Amino acid sequence: MNAINSISEFHRLLSLAEPRHPLVSVINLAESVFLEDEIWKGFVNRFYCVALKRDAKGKIKYGQQHYDYDKGVLSFTAPNQVQQLDLQNMECGSGYLLIFHPDFLLQHNLANSIHQYGFFDYAVNEALHLSAEEEEDLITILHRVDKECQHIDKHTQEIILTQIESLLKYSNRFYERQFLTRKNNNSALLSRFEQLVDDYFKNDVPGLLTVQYLAEKMNLSPNYLSDLLRVHTGQNTQQHIHEKLIAKAKEKLSTTSLSVSEIAYALGFEHTQSFSTLFKKKTNLSPLEFRQSFN
């Protein structure tokens, strides 16, 4: 797999001059021209990318699926995400790309907190739609980052990362707003989620129910599904799974004579101890103590 390892290399592939800072750059799409290079047929970036785009057209392959590049205004990719661009049918339009290398985050709290922003793992077709005012707020931040790239000194990293962190927090707010304004569509997704969970246990599907399984069935990324559920229910996907597992375990413990090991296996656990540990964590009782409370 081809890799774009540096900000400088990415600039070259977009026919741009050398970046002012080696680890962070704000690129004006209107000034960019994609070089006809084999690398676009399958590549990974070694850096984070935030794309704010207008009038963009074309398709991008992200992971194993193709998506319309013009869906949404703001999109995010994390390092090492596999991508493909069809340059023959691509129009960049106008807008900006904010790209920054993970090394730029070192020794800053954002190095750890950036993993909390699930939208870096969202697929391109889950991009943000912004109002004109929201878009201007983000463009203002991008201009500040771009300006600060001209002043490389001991304050540069802190000032730029403060701006990037602000942009990510705004984006988090906008995603939550987007989830809530799509109430009817999201209600259908939530119903679909509940049905999938119920069917899994009803049909005795082998193995433990996982976030990945549910996300794939719903054609969503795991993080997108968890964020959607958290906004509407206060719980992420894993918490929902645990809640359902405990409910099913309580039902079997109170209405059957199955052993704890048999119940654990029926629920998809490979090891009884894992089941017992989760059950006690959620109920403050061991499975046997719970069963005895009914006698």
Foldseek 3Di string as FASTA:
>chain_A
DAEDEWPQSVCVQQVHDGALDGFKAKDKLVSTHGDPDPQQQKYWYQWKKKWFADPKFAWKDWAHDIDTQHQAGIAIAGGPTMMHGDVVTTDRHTTIMIIGHLVLCPPHPCNPVVVVLLRNVWDSNLYFHDDPVLSVVLVVLSVVLNVLSNPDDPCSSVVNVVSVVVNSVSVLVRSLVVLVVPVVVLVVVVVVLVVVLVCCLVVLPAAADDLVVSCVVSVTDSSSQQSSCCSVPVGGPVVVSLVVLLVQLLVCLAPHPDDLVVSCRSNHHPDSVVVQVSNCVVPVDGSVRSSVVND
